[in-house]
Amino acid sequence: VVLRYHWIEPFVRSLRERLAAFHRFFCVADQVKVYTNQNK
């Protein structure tokens, strides 16, 4: 997404607040798949 310059600080602050409660975790990425972007 495009963030306007004056949005960066409040955007980052809001992200920090929303993500503060999350704990570390593991995931496994082991399935090979082919993707295209939206415009192909």
PDB file of all heavy atoms in Angstrom:
ATOM      1  N   VAL A   1       0.857  -1.190   0.000  1.00  0.00           N
ATOM      2  CA  VAL A   1       0.000   0.000   0.000  1.00  0.00           C
ATOM      3  C   VAL A   1       0.891   1.238   0.000  1.00  0.00           C
ATOM      4  O   VAL A   1       2.060   1.170   0.367  1.00  0.00           O
ATOM      5  CB  VAL A   1      -0.948   0.035   1.226  1.00  0.00           C
ATOM      6  CG1 VAL A   1      -1.923  -1.135   1.200  1.00  0.00           C
ATOM      7  CG2 VAL A   1      -0.165   0.039   2.532  1.00  0.00           C
ATOM      8  N   VAL A   2       0.313   2.339  -0.411  1.00  0.00           N
ATOM      9  CA  VAL A   2       1.037   3.612  -0.401  1.00  0.00           C
ATOM     10  C   VAL A   2       0.631   4.372   0.860  1.00  0.00           C
ATOM     11  O   VAL A   2      -0.546   4.645   1.076  1.00  0.00           O
ATOM     12  CB  VAL A   2       0.713   4.448  -1.657  1.00  0.00           C
ATOM     13  CG1 VAL A   2       1.401   5.799  -1.590  1.00  0.00           C
ATOM     14  CG2 VAL A   2       1.132   3.679  -2.909  1.00  0.00           C
ATOM     15  N   LEU A   3       1.631   4.686   1.688  1.00  0.00           N
ATOM     16  CA  LEU A   3       1.401   5.477   2.896  1.00  0.00           C
ATOM     17  C   LEU A   3       1.850   6.907   2.628  1.00  0.00           C
ATOM     18  O   LEU A   3       2.976   7.132   2.201  1.00  0.00           O
ATOM     19  CB  LEU A   3       2.212   4.927   4.075  1.00  0.00           C
ATOM     20  CG  LEU A   3       1.790   3.617   4.692  1.00  0.00           C
ATOM     21  CD1 LEU A   3       2.761   3.237   5.804  1.00  0.00           C
ATOM     22  CD2 LEU A   3       0.372   3.703   5.226  1.00  0.00           C
ATOM     23  N   ARG A   4       0.983   7.841   2.888  1.00  0.00           N
ATOM     24  CA  ARG A   4       1.395   9.244   2.813  1.00  0.00           C
ATOM     25  C   ARG A   4       2.411   9.502   3.923  1.00  0.00           C
ATOM     26  O   ARG A   4       2.355   8.875   4.972  1.00  0.00           O
ATOM     27  CB  ARG A   4       0.182  10.148   2.986  1.00  0.00           C
ATOM     28  CG  ARG A   4      -0.805   9.965   1.855  1.00  0.00           C
ATOM     29  CD  ARG A   4      -2.079  10.719   2.144  1.00  0.00           C
ATOM     30  NE  ARG A   4      -3.068  10.369   1.146  1.00  0.00           N
ATOM     31  CZ  ARG A   4      -3.734  11.243   0.437  1.00  0.00           C
ATOM     32  NH1 ARG A   4      -3.558  12.532   0.619  1.00  0.00           N
ATOM     33  NH2 ARG A   4      -4.600  10.826  -0.454  1.00  0.00           N
ATOM     34  N   TYR A   5       3.311  10.403   3.663  1.00  0.00           N
ATOM     35  CA  TYR A   5       4.413  10.626   4.602  1.00  0.00           C
ATOM     36  C   TYR A   5       3.891  10.904   6.023  1.00  0.00           C
ATOM     37  O   TYR A   5       4.400  10.338   6.995  1.00  0.00           O
ATOM     38  CB  TYR A   5       5.307  11.784   4.128  1.00  0.00           C
ATOM     39  CG  TYR A   5       6.442  12.036   5.072  1.00  0.00           C
ATOM     40  CD1 TYR A   5       7.565  11.215   5.061  1.00  0.00           C
ATOM     41  CD2 TYR A   5       6.386  13.079   5.994  1.00  0.00           C
ATOM     42  CE1 TYR A   5       8.611  11.428   5.944  1.00  0.00           C
ATOM     43  CE2 TYR A   5       7.430  13.299   6.871  1.00  0.00           C
ATOM     44  CZ  TYR A   5       8.529  12.469   6.839  1.00  0.00           C
ATOM     45  OH  TYR A   5       9.561  12.670   7.722  1.00  0.00           O
ATOM     46  N   HIS A   6       2.870  11.734   6.160  1.00  0.00           N
ATOM     47  CA  HIS A   6       2.377  12.104   7.496  1.00  0.00           C
ATOM     48  C   HIS A   6       1.572  10.976   8.152  1.00  0.00           C
ATOM     49  O   HIS A   6       1.198  11.083   9.310  1.00  0.00           O
ATOM     50  CB  HIS A   6       1.561  13.406   7.433  1.00  0.00           C
ATOM     51  CG  HIS A   6       0.327  13.318   6.603  1.00  0.00           C
ATOM     52  ND1 HIS A   6       0.358  13.430   5.221  1.00  0.00           N
ATOM     53  CD2 HIS A   6      -0.969  13.115   6.942  1.00  0.00           C
ATOM     54  CE1 HIS A   6      -0.875  13.306   4.756  1.00  0.00           C
ATOM     55  NE2 HIS A   6      -1.694  13.123   5.775  1.00  0.00           N
ATOM     56  N   TRP A   7       1.304   9.890   7.428  1.00  0.00           N
ATOM     57  CA  TRP A   7       0.626   8.725   8.005  1.00  0.00           C
ATOM     58  C   TRP A   7       1.601   7.736   8.625  1.00  0.00           C
ATOM     59  O   TRP A   7       1.197   6.881   9.417  1.00  0.00           O
ATOM     60  CB  TRP A   7      -0.161   7.977   6.941  1.00  0.00           C
ATOM     61  CG  TRP A   7      -1.403   8.623   6.451  1.00  0.00           C
ATOM     62  CD1 TRP A   7      -1.975   9.786   6.870  1.00  0.00           C
ATOM     63  CD2 TRP A   7      -2.241   8.118   5.414  1.00  0.00           C
ATOM     64  NE1 TRP A   7      -3.114  10.043   6.153  1.00  0.00           N
ATOM     65  CE2 TRP A   7      -3.301   9.027   5.250  1.00  0.00           C
ATOM     66  CE3 TRP A   7      -2.206   6.999   4.592  1.00  0.00           C
ATOM     67  CZ2 TRP A   7      -4.320   8.839   4.317  1.00  0.00           C
ATOM     68  CZ3 TRP A   7      -3.209   6.803   3.659  1.00  0.00           C
ATOM     69  CH2 TRP A   7      -4.249   7.718   3.526  1.00  0.00           C
ATOM     70  N   ILE A   8       2.859   7.791   8.251  1.00  0.00           N
ATOM     71  CA  ILE A   8       3.797   6.735   8.636  1.00  0.00           C
ATOM     72  C   ILE A   8       3.874   6.580  10.153  1.00  0.00           C
ATOM     73  O   ILE A   8       3.698   5.471  10.675  1.00  0.00           O
ATOM     74  CB  ILE A   8       5.197   6.978   8.026  1.00  0.00           C
ATOM     75  CG1 ILE A   8       5.107   6.884   6.499  1.00  0.00           C
ATOM     76  CG2 ILE A   8       6.211   5.975   8.575  1.00  0.00           C
ATOM     77  CD1 ILE A   8       6.381   7.289   5.768  1.00  0.00           C
ATOM     78  N   GLU A   9       4.113   7.662  10.860  1.00  0.00           N
ATOM     79  CA  GLU A   9       4.248   7.564  12.314  1.00  0.00           C
ATOM     80  C   GLU A   9       2.980   7.036  12.989  1.00  0.00           C
ATOM     81  O   GLU A   9       3.054   6.091  13.777  1.00  0.00           O
ATOM     82  CB  GLU A   9       4.656   8.924  12.895  1.00  0.00           C
ATOM     83  CG  GLU A   9       5.044   8.851  14.358  1.00  0.00           C
ATOM     84  CD  GLU A   9       5.485  10.203  14.881  1.00  0.00           C
ATOM     85  OE1 GLU A   9       6.290  10.874  14.202  1.00  0.00           O
ATOM     86  OE2 GLU A   9       5.018  10.570  15.970  1.00  0.00           O
ATOM     87  N   PRO A  10       1.782   7.595  12.710  1.00  0.00           N
ATOM     88  CA  PRO A  10       0.583   7.039  13.349  1.00  0.00           C
ATOM     89  C   PRO A  10       0.281   5.601  12.895  1.00  0.00           C
ATOM     90  O   PRO A  10      -0.231   4.795  13.679  1.00  0.00           O
ATOM     91  CB  PRO A  10      -0.546   7.997  12.957  1.00  0.00           C
ATOM     92  CG  PRO A  10       0.007   8.900  11.919  1.00  0.00           C
ATOM     93  CD  PRO A  10       1.492   8.823  11.971  1.00  0.00           C
ATOM     94  N   PHE A  11       0.596   5.264  11.660  1.00  0.00           N
ATOM     95  CA  PHE A  11       0.387   3.899  11.158  1.00  0.00           C
ATOM     96  C   PHE A  11       1.262   2.919  11.944  1.00  0.00           C
ATOM     97  O   PHE A  11       0.774   1.893  12.429  1.00  0.00           O
ATOM     98  CB  PHE A  11       0.719   3.848   9.661  1.00  0.00           C
ATOM     99  CG  PHE A  11       0.433   2.531   9.010  1.00  0.00           C
ATOM    100  CD1 PHE A  11      -0.818   2.263   8.485  1.00  0.00           C
ATOM    101  CD2 PHE A  11       1.420   1.562   8.918  1.00  0.00           C
ATOM    102  CE1 PHE A  11      -1.089   1.041   7.887  1.00  0.00           C
ATOM    103  CE2 PHE A  11       1.164   0.341   8.322  1.00  0.00           C
ATOM    104  CZ  PHE A  11      -0.095   0.080   7.806  1.00  0.00           C
ATOM    105  N   VAL A  12       2.530   3.255  12.088  1.00  0.00           N
ATOM    106  CA  VAL A  12       3.463   2.397  12.817  1.00  0.00           C
ATOM    107  C   VAL A  12       3.053   2.293  14.285  1.00  0.00           C
ATOM    108  O   VAL A  12       3.089   1.204  14.877  1.00  0.00           O
ATOM    109  CB  VAL A  12       4.913   2.918  12.662  1.00  0.00           C
ATOM    110  CG1 VAL A  12       5.866   2.232  13.625  1.00  0.00           C
ATOM    111  CG2 VAL A  12       5.374   2.736  11.222  1.00  0.00           C
ATOM    112  N   ARG A  13       2.636   3.388  14.874  1.00  0.00           N
ATOM    113  CA  ARG A  13       2.187   3.380  16.272  1.00  0.00           C
ATOM    114  C   ARG A  13       0.982   2.451  16.441  1.00  0.00           C
ATOM    115  O   ARG A  13       0.916   1.636  17.371  1.00  0.00           O
ATOM    116  CB  ARG A  13       1.854   4.805  16.737  1.00  0.00           C
ATOM    117  CG  ARG A  13       1.497   4.897  18.209  1.00  0.00           C
ATOM    118  CD  ARG A  13       1.356   6.338  18.704  1.00  0.00           C
ATOM    119  NE  ARG A  13       0.627   7.221  17.811  1.00  0.00           N
ATOM    120  CZ  ARG A  13       1.169   8.235  17.130  1.00  0.00           C
ATOM    121  NH1 ARG A  13       2.459   8.516  17.262  1.00  0.00           N
ATOM    122  NH2 ARG A  13       0.445   8.994  16.339  1.00  0.00           N
ATOM    123  N   SER A  14       0.035   2.541  15.526  1.00  0.00           N
ATOM    124  CA  SER A  14      -1.149   1.695  15.593  1.00  0.00           C
ATOM    125  C   SER A  14      -0.789   0.216  15.412  1.00  0.00           C
ATOM    126  O   SER A  14      -1.309  -0.650  16.123  1.00  0.00           O
ATOM    127  CB  SER A  14      -2.162   2.140  14.529  1.00  0.00           C
ATOM    128  OG  SER A  14      -3.385   1.493  14.705  1.00  0.00           O
ATOM    129  N   LEU A  15       0.109  -0.071  14.478  1.00  0.00           N
ATOM    130  CA  LEU A  15       0.568  -1.456  14.302  1.00  0.00           C
ATOM    131  C   LEU A  15       1.221  -1.973  15.583  1.00  0.00           C
ATOM    132  O   LEU A  15       0.941  -3.091  16.023  1.00  0.00           O
ATOM    133  CB  LEU A  15       1.596  -1.541  13.171  1.00  0.00           C
ATOM    134  CG  LEU A  15       1.118  -1.853  11.776  1.00  0.00           C
ATOM    135  CD1 LEU A  15       2.305  -1.904  10.814  1.00  0.00           C
ATOM    136  CD2 LEU A  15       0.325  -3.130  11.698  1.00  0.00           C
ATOM    137  N   ARG A  16       2.089  -1.157  16.173  1.00  0.00           N
ATOM    138  CA  ARG A  16       2.792  -1.557  17.403  1.00  0.00           C
ATOM    139  C   ARG A  16       1.791  -1.910  18.502  1.00  0.00           C
ATOM    140  O   ARG A  16       1.928  -2.925  19.184  1.00  0.00           O
ATOM    141  CB  ARG A  16       3.730  -0.435  17.859  1.00  0.00           C
ATOM    142  CG  ARG A  16       4.647  -0.826  19.003  1.00  0.00           C
ATOM    143  CD  ARG A  16       5.685   0.232  19.339  1.00  0.00           C
ATOM    144  NE  ARG A  16       6.419   0.759  18.200  1.00  0.00           N
ATOM    145  CZ  ARG A  16       7.398   0.138  17.548  1.00  0.00           C
ATOM    146  NH1 ARG A  16       7.744  -1.071  17.920  1.00  0.00           N
ATOM    147  NH2 ARG A  16       8.023   0.715  16.544  1.00  0.00           N
ATOM    148  N   GLU A  17       0.754  -1.090  18.661  1.00  0.00           N
ATOM    149  CA  GLU A  17      -0.259  -1.345  19.688  1.00  0.00           C
ATOM    150  C   GLU A  17      -1.020  -2.638  19.404  1.00  0.00           C
ATOM    151  O   GLU A  17      -1.266  -3.436  20.301  1.00  0.00           O
ATOM    152  CB  GLU A  17      -1.239  -0.173  19.757  1.00  0.00           C
ATOM    153  CG  GLU A  17      -0.628   1.083  20.339  1.00  0.00           C
ATOM    154  CD  GLU A  17      -1.492   2.325  20.140  1.00  0.00           C
ATOM    155  OE1 GLU A  17      -2.635   2.212  19.626  1.00  0.00           O
ATOM    156  OE2 GLU A  17      -1.012   3.432  20.480  1.00  0.00           O
ATOM    157  N   ARG A  18      -1.393  -2.857  18.156  1.00  0.00           N
ATOM    158  CA  ARG A  18      -2.203  -4.030  17.795  1.00  0.00           C
ATOM    159  C   ARG A  18      -1.414  -5.338  17.856  1.00  0.00           C
ATOM    160  O   ARG A  18      -1.997  -6.387  18.089  1.00  0.00           O
ATOM    161  CB  ARG A  18      -2.777  -3.853  16.407  1.00  0.00           C
ATOM    162  CG  ARG A  18      -3.811  -2.761  16.365  1.00  0.00           C
ATOM    163  CD  ARG A  18      -4.983  -3.251  15.601  1.00  0.00           C
ATOM    164  NE  ARG A  18      -6.062  -2.307  15.624  1.00  0.00           N
ATOM    165  CZ  ARG A  18      -7.274  -2.603  16.021  1.00  0.00           C
ATOM    166  NH1 ARG A  18      -7.555  -3.808  16.436  1.00  0.00           N
ATOM    167  NH2 ARG A  18      -8.220  -1.711  15.982  1.00  0.00           N
ATOM    168  N   LEU A  19      -0.109  -5.264  17.625  1.00  0.00           N
ATOM    169  CA  LEU A  19       0.696  -6.487  17.579  1.00  0.00           C
ATOM    170  C   LEU A  19       1.379  -6.801  18.913  1.00  0.00           C
ATOM    171  O   LEU A  19       1.970  -7.866  19.070  1.00  0.00           O
ATOM    172  CB  LEU A  19       1.754  -6.378  16.475  1.00  0.00           C
ATOM    173  CG  LEU A  19       1.202  -6.196  15.056  1.00  0.00           C
ATOM    174  CD1 LEU A  19       2.341  -5.973  14.067  1.00  0.00           C
ATOM    175  CD2 LEU A  19       0.335  -7.374  14.640  1.00  0.00           C
ATOM    176  N   ALA A  20       1.256  -5.890  19.888  1.00  0.00           N
ATOM    177  CA  ALA A  20       1.980  -6.022  21.166  1.00  0.00           C
ATOM    178  C   ALA A  20       1.616  -7.294  21.934  1.00  0.00           C
ATOM    179  O   ALA A  20       2.462  -7.839  22.644  1.00  0.00           O
ATOM    180  CB  ALA A  20       1.733  -4.793  22.038  1.00  0.00           C
ATOM    181  N   ALA A  21       0.406  -7.780  21.809  1.00  0.00           N
ATOM    182  CA  ALA A  21      -0.032  -8.930  22.605  1.00  0.00           C
ATOM    183  C   ALA A  21       0.346 -10.277  21.992  1.00  0.00           C
ATOM    184  O   ALA A  21       0.187 -11.314  22.639  1.00  0.00           O
ATOM    185  CB  ALA A  21      -1.550  -8.867  22.794  1.00  0.00           C
ATOM    186  N   PHE A  22       0.866 -10.284  20.785  1.00  0.00           N
ATOM    187  CA  PHE A  22       1.143 -11.556  20.107  1.00  0.00           C
ATOM    188  C   PHE A  22       2.410 -12.226  20.622  1.00  0.00           C
ATOM    189  O   PHE A  22       3.417 -11.574  20.872  1.00  0.00           O
ATOM    190  CB  PHE A  22       1.261 -11.343  18.593  1.00  0.00           C
ATOM    191  CG  PHE A  22      -0.067 -11.259  17.921  1.00  0.00           C
ATOM    192  CD1 PHE A  22      -0.716 -10.047  17.792  1.00  0.00           C
ATOM    193  CD2 PHE A  22      -0.681 -12.402  17.436  1.00  0.00           C
ATOM    194  CE1 PHE A  22      -1.954  -9.962  17.194  1.00  0.00           C
ATOM    195  CE2 PHE A  22      -1.918 -12.329  16.831  1.00  0.00           C
ATOM    196  CZ  PHE A  22      -2.560 -11.112  16.704  1.00  0.00           C
ATOM    197  N   HIS A  23       2.306 -13.547  20.746  1.00  0.00           N
ATOM    198  CA  HIS A  23       3.438 -14.359  21.194  1.00  0.00           C
ATOM    199  C   HIS A  23       4.170 -14.940  19.991  1.00  0.00           C
ATOM    200  O   HIS A  23       3.594 -15.096  18.915  1.00  0.00           O
ATOM    201  CB  HIS A  23       2.953 -15.495  22.102  1.00  0.00           C
ATOM    202  CG  HIS A  23       2.437 -14.997  23.410  1.00  0.00           C
ATOM    203  ND1 HIS A  23       3.249 -14.826  24.506  1.00  0.00           N
ATOM    204  CD2 HIS A  23       1.194 -14.622  23.787  1.00  0.00           C
ATOM    205  CE1 HIS A  23       2.527 -14.369  25.513  1.00  0.00           C
ATOM    206  NE2 HIS A  23       1.272 -14.229  25.109  1.00  0.00           N
ATOM    207  N   ARG A  24       5.428 -15.299  20.227  1.00  0.00           N
ATOM    208  CA  ARG A  24       6.213 -15.965  19.188  1.00  0.00           C
ATOM    209  C   ARG A  24       5.558 -17.296  18.847  1.00  0.00           C
ATOM    210  O   ARG A  24       4.918 -17.917  19.697  1.00  0.00           O
ATOM    211  CB  ARG A  24       7.639 -16.221  19.684  1.00  0.00           C
ATOM    212  CG  ARG A  24       8.392 -14.948  19.938  1.00  0.00           C
ATOM    213  CD  ARG A  24       9.738 -15.240  20.541  1.00  0.00           C
ATOM    214  NE  ARG A  24      10.408 -13.964  20.785  1.00  0.00           N
ATOM    215  CZ  ARG A  24      11.676 -13.853  21.082  1.00  0.00           C
ATOM    216  NH1 ARG A  24      12.430 -14.929  21.191  1.00  0.00           N
ATOM    217  NH2 ARG A  24      12.206 -12.666  21.272  1.00  0.00           N
ATOM    218  N   PHE A  25       5.755 -17.728  17.617  1.00  0.00           N
ATOM    219  CA  PHE A  25       5.203 -19.019  17.198  1.00  0.00           C
ATOM    220  C   PHE A  25       6.015 -19.551  16.025  1.00  0.00           C
ATOM    221  O   PHE A  25       6.834 -18.847  15.448  1.00  0.00           O
ATOM    222  CB  PHE A  25       3.715 -18.879  16.824  1.00  0.00           C
ATOM    223  CG  PHE A  25       3.461 -18.032  15.605  1.00  0.00           C
ATOM    224  CD1 PHE A  25       3.300 -18.618  14.355  1.00  0.00           C
ATOM    225  CD2 PHE A  25       3.379 -16.650  15.701  1.00  0.00           C
ATOM    226  CE1 PHE A  25       3.068 -17.836  13.231  1.00  0.00           C
ATOM    227  CE2 PHE A  25       3.146 -15.867  14.583  1.00  0.00           C
ATOM    228  CZ  PHE A  25       2.989 -16.459  13.351  1.00  0.00           C
ATOM    229  N   PHE A  26       5.769 -20.802  15.711  1.00  0.00           N
ATOM    230  CA  PHE A  26       6.425 -21.442  14.574  1.00  0.00           C
ATOM    231  C   PHE A  26       5.422 -21.636  13.456  1.00  0.00           C
ATOM    232  O   PHE A  26       4.229 -21.826  13.702  1.00  0.00           O
ATOM    233  CB  PHE A  26       6.960 -22.824  14.959  1.00  0.00           C
ATOM    234  CG  PHE A  26       8.193 -22.785  15.792  1.00  0.00           C
ATOM    235  CD1 PHE A  26       8.118 -22.887  17.172  1.00  0.00           C
ATOM    236  CD2 PHE A  26       9.444 -22.650  15.207  1.00  0.00           C
ATOM    237  CE1 PHE A  26       9.254 -22.861  17.950  1.00  0.00           C
ATOM    238  CE2 PHE A  26      10.594 -22.624  15.978  1.00  0.00           C
ATOM    239  CZ  PHE A  26      10.500 -22.732  17.351  1.00  0.00           C
ATOM    240  N   CYS A  27       5.914 -21.595  12.243  1.00  0.00           N
ATOM    241  CA  CYS A  27       5.125 -22.064  11.107  1.00  0.00           C
ATOM    242  C   CYS A  27       6.042 -22.915  10.241  1.00  0.00           C
ATOM    243  O   CYS A  27       7.271 -22.884  10.403  1.00  0.00           O
ATOM    244  CB  CYS A  27       4.475 -20.918  10.334  1.00  0.00           C
ATOM    245  SG  CYS A  27       5.571 -19.936   9.336  1.00  0.00           S
ATOM    246  N   VAL A  28       5.445 -23.693   9.375  1.00  0.00           N
ATOM    247  CA  VAL A  28       6.202 -24.550   8.469  1.00  0.00           C
ATOM    248  C   VAL A  28       5.809 -24.171   7.049  1.00  0.00           C
ATOM    249  O   VAL A  28       4.624 -24.148   6.715  1.00  0.00           O
ATOM    250  CB  VAL A  28       5.904 -26.045   8.731  1.00  0.00           C
ATOM    251  CG1 VAL A  28       6.646 -26.931   7.739  1.00  0.00           C
ATOM    252  CG2 VAL A  28       6.260 -26.420  10.164  1.00  0.00           C
ATOM    253  N   ALA A  29       6.800 -23.847   6.227  1.00  0.00           N
ATOM    254  CA  ALA A  29       6.557 -23.498   4.821  1.00  0.00           C
ATOM    255  C   ALA A  29       7.264 -24.559   3.980  1.00  0.00           C
ATOM    256  O   ALA A  29       8.464 -24.461   3.728  1.00  0.00           O
ATOM    257  CB  ALA A  29       7.083 -22.106   4.506  1.00  0.00           C
ATOM    258  N   ASP A  30       6.514 -25.589   3.572  1.00  0.00           N
ATOM    259  CA  ASP A  30       7.152 -26.727   2.897  1.00  0.00           C
ATOM    260  C   ASP A  30       6.395 -27.246   1.681  1.00  0.00           C
ATOM    261  O   ASP A  30       6.730 -28.288   1.135  1.00  0.00           O
ATOM    262  CB  ASP A  30       7.368 -27.869   3.891  1.00  0.00           C
ATOM    263  CG  ASP A  30       6.061 -28.390   4.490  1.00  0.00           C
ATOM    264  OD1 ASP A  30       4.988 -27.833   4.185  1.00  0.00           O
ATOM    265  OD2 ASP A  30       6.126 -29.348   5.282  1.00  0.00           O
ATOM    266  N   GLN A  31       5.385 -26.514   1.237  1.00  0.00           N
ATOM    267  CA  GLN A  31       4.598 -26.949   0.078  1.00  0.00           C
ATOM    268  C   GLN A  31       4.905 -26.051  -1.113  1.00  0.00           C
ATOM    269  O   GLN A  31       4.593 -24.856  -1.085  1.00  0.00           O
ATOM    270  CB  GLN A  31       3.100 -26.906   0.397  1.00  0.00           C
ATOM    271  CG  GLN A  31       2.696 -27.791   1.570  1.00  0.00           C
ATOM    272  CD  GLN A  31       3.021 -29.247   1.327  1.00  0.00           C
ATOM    273  OE1 GLN A  31       2.591 -29.827   0.333  1.00  0.00           O
ATOM    274  NE2 GLN A  31       3.792 -29.842   2.219  1.00  0.00           N
ATOM    275  N   VAL A  32       5.517 -26.608  -2.161  1.00  0.00           N
ATOM    276  CA  VAL A  32       5.879 -25.817  -3.332  1.00  0.00           C
ATOM    277  C   VAL A  32       4.608 -25.471  -4.101  1.00  0.00           C
ATOM    278  O   VAL A  32       3.750 -26.328  -4.329  1.00  0.00           O
ATOM    279  CB  VAL A  32       6.864 -26.582  -4.242  1.00  0.00           C
ATOM    280  CG1 VAL A  32       7.285 -25.707  -5.421  1.00  0.00           C
ATOM    281  CG2 VAL A  32       8.080 -27.043  -3.464  1.00  0.00           C
ATOM    282  N   LYS A  33       4.495 -24.209  -4.475  1.00  0.00           N
ATOM    283  CA  LYS A  33       3.307 -23.740  -5.180  1.00  0.00           C
ATOM    284  C   LYS A  33       3.708 -22.659  -6.174  1.00  0.00           C
ATOM    285  O   LYS A  33       4.697 -21.959  -5.971  1.00  0.00           O
ATOM    286  CB  LYS A  33       2.296 -23.192  -4.169  1.00  0.00           C
ATOM    287  CG  LYS A  33       0.888 -23.085  -4.701  1.00  0.00           C
ATOM    288  CD  LYS A  33      -0.120 -22.920  -3.588  1.00  0.00           C
ATOM    289  CE  LYS A  33      -1.494 -22.698  -4.185  1.00  0.00           C
ATOM    290  NZ  LYS A  33      -2.505 -22.439  -3.184  1.00  0.00           N
ATOM    291  N   VAL A  34       2.915 -22.521  -7.229  1.00  0.00           N
ATOM    292  CA  VAL A  34       3.168 -21.504  -8.249  1.00  0.00           C
ATOM    293  C   VAL A  34       2.124 -20.400  -8.076  1.00  0.00           C
ATOM    294  O   VAL A  34       0.939 -20.672  -7.890  1.00  0.00           O
ATOM    295  CB  VAL A  34       3.079 -22.121  -9.667  1.00  0.00           C
ATOM    296  CG1 VAL A  34       3.236 -21.047 -10.737  1.00  0.00           C
ATOM    297  CG2 VAL A  34       4.144 -23.199  -9.835  1.00  0.00           C
ATOM    298  N   TYR A  35       2.580 -19.158  -8.151  1.00  0.00           N
ATOM    299  CA  TYR A  35       1.719 -17.987  -7.981  1.00  0.00           C
ATOM    300  C   TYR A  35       1.932 -17.023  -9.147  1.00  0.00           C
ATOM    301  O   TYR A  35       3.010 -16.998  -9.739  1.00  0.00           O
ATOM    302  CB  TYR A  35       2.071 -17.234  -6.690  1.00  0.00           C
ATOM    303  CG  TYR A  35       1.894 -18.038  -5.438  1.00  0.00           C
ATOM    304  CD1 TYR A  35       2.935 -18.801  -4.920  1.00  0.00           C
ATOM    305  CD2 TYR A  35       0.683 -18.035  -4.757  1.00  0.00           C
ATOM    306  CE1 TYR A  35       2.774 -19.550  -3.763  1.00  0.00           C
ATOM    307  CE2 TYR A  35       0.514 -18.781  -3.603  1.00  0.00           C
ATOM    308  CZ  TYR A  35       1.556 -19.529  -3.111  1.00  0.00           C
ATOM    309  OH  TYR A  35       1.388 -20.261  -1.963  1.00  0.00           O
ATOM    310  N   THR A  36       0.914 -16.217  -9.407  1.00  0.00           N
ATOM    311  CA  THR A  36       1.088 -15.067 -10.295  1.00  0.00           C
ATOM    312  C   THR A  36       0.558 -13.851  -9.548  1.00  0.00           C
ATOM    313  O   THR A  36      -0.294 -13.982  -8.675  1.00  0.00           O
ATOM    314  CB  THR A  36       0.307 -15.216 -11.630  1.00  0.00           C
ATOM    315  OG1 THR A  36      -1.068 -15.440 -11.336  1.00  0.00           O
ATOM    316  CG2 THR A  36       0.862 -16.354 -12.468  1.00  0.00           C
ATOM    317  N   ASN A  37       1.069 -12.680  -9.914  1.00  0.00           N
ATOM    318  CA  ASN A  37       0.530 -11.466  -9.298  1.00  0.00           C
ATOM    319  C   ASN A  37      -0.853 -11.182  -9.899  1.00  0.00           C
ATOM    320  O   ASN A  37      -1.288 -11.852 -10.843  1.00  0.00           O
ATOM    321  CB  ASN A  37       1.494 -10.284  -9.440  1.00  0.00           C
ATOM    322  CG  ASN A  37       1.729  -9.872 -10.877  1.00  0.00           C
ATOM    323  OD1 ASN A  37       1.226 -10.480 -11.829  1.00  0.00           O
ATOM    324  ND2 ASN A  37       2.505  -8.826 -11.057  1.00  0.00           N
ATOM    325  N   GLN A  38      -1.545 -10.200  -9.345  1.00  0.00           N
ATOM    326  CA  GLN A  38      -2.923  -9.915  -9.776  1.00  0.00           C
ATOM    327  C   GLN A  38      -3.021  -9.589 -11.259  1.00  0.00           C
ATOM    328  O   GLN A  38      -3.978  -9.958 -11.917  1.00  0.00           O
ATOM    329  CB  GLN A  38      -3.517  -8.775  -8.952  1.00  0.00           C
ATOM    330  CG  GLN A  38      -3.920  -9.190  -7.558  1.00  0.00           C
ATOM    331  CD  GLN A  38      -4.503  -8.037  -6.761  1.00  0.00           C
ATOM    332  OE1 GLN A  38      -3.970  -6.932  -6.762  1.00  0.00           O
ATOM    333  NE2 GLN A  38      -5.598  -8.306  -6.068  1.00  0.00           N
ATOM    334  N   ASN A  39      -2.032  -8.895 -11.790  1.00  0.00           N
ATOM    335  CA  ASN A  39      -2.055  -8.478 -13.199  1.00  0.00           C
ATOM    336  C   ASN A  39      -1.544  -9.560 -14.143  1.00  0.00           C
ATOM    337  O   ASN A  39      -1.514  -9.344 -15.361  1.00  0.00           O
ATOM    338  CB  ASN A  39      -1.193  -7.228 -13.406  1.00  0.00           C
ATOM    339  CG  ASN A  39      -1.604  -6.087 -12.521  1.00  0.00           C
ATOM    340  OD1 ASN A  39      -2.713  -6.070 -11.986  1.00  0.00           O
ATOM    341  ND2 ASN A  39      -0.723  -5.130 -12.337  1.00  0.00           N
ATOM    342  N   LYS A  40      -1.074 -10.689 -13.573  1.00  0.00           N
ATOM    343  CA  LYS A  40      -0.498 -11.790 -14.373  1.00  0.00           C
ATOM    344  C   LYS A  40       0.736 -11.333 -15.149  1.00  0.00           C
ATOM    345  O   LYS A  40       1.026 -11.839 -16.220  1.00  0.00           O
ATOM    346  CB  LYS A  40      -1.536 -12.387 -15.338  1.00  0.00           C
ATOM    347  CG  LYS A  40      -2.818 -12.836 -14.691  1.00  0.00           C
ATOM    348  CD  LYS A  40      -2.672 -14.213 -14.140  1.00  0.00           C
ATOM    349  CE  LYS A  40      -4.031 -14.728 -13.660  1.00  0.00           C
ATOM    350  NZ  LYS A  40      -3.901 -15.712 -12.650  1.00  0.00           N
TER     351      LYS A  40
END
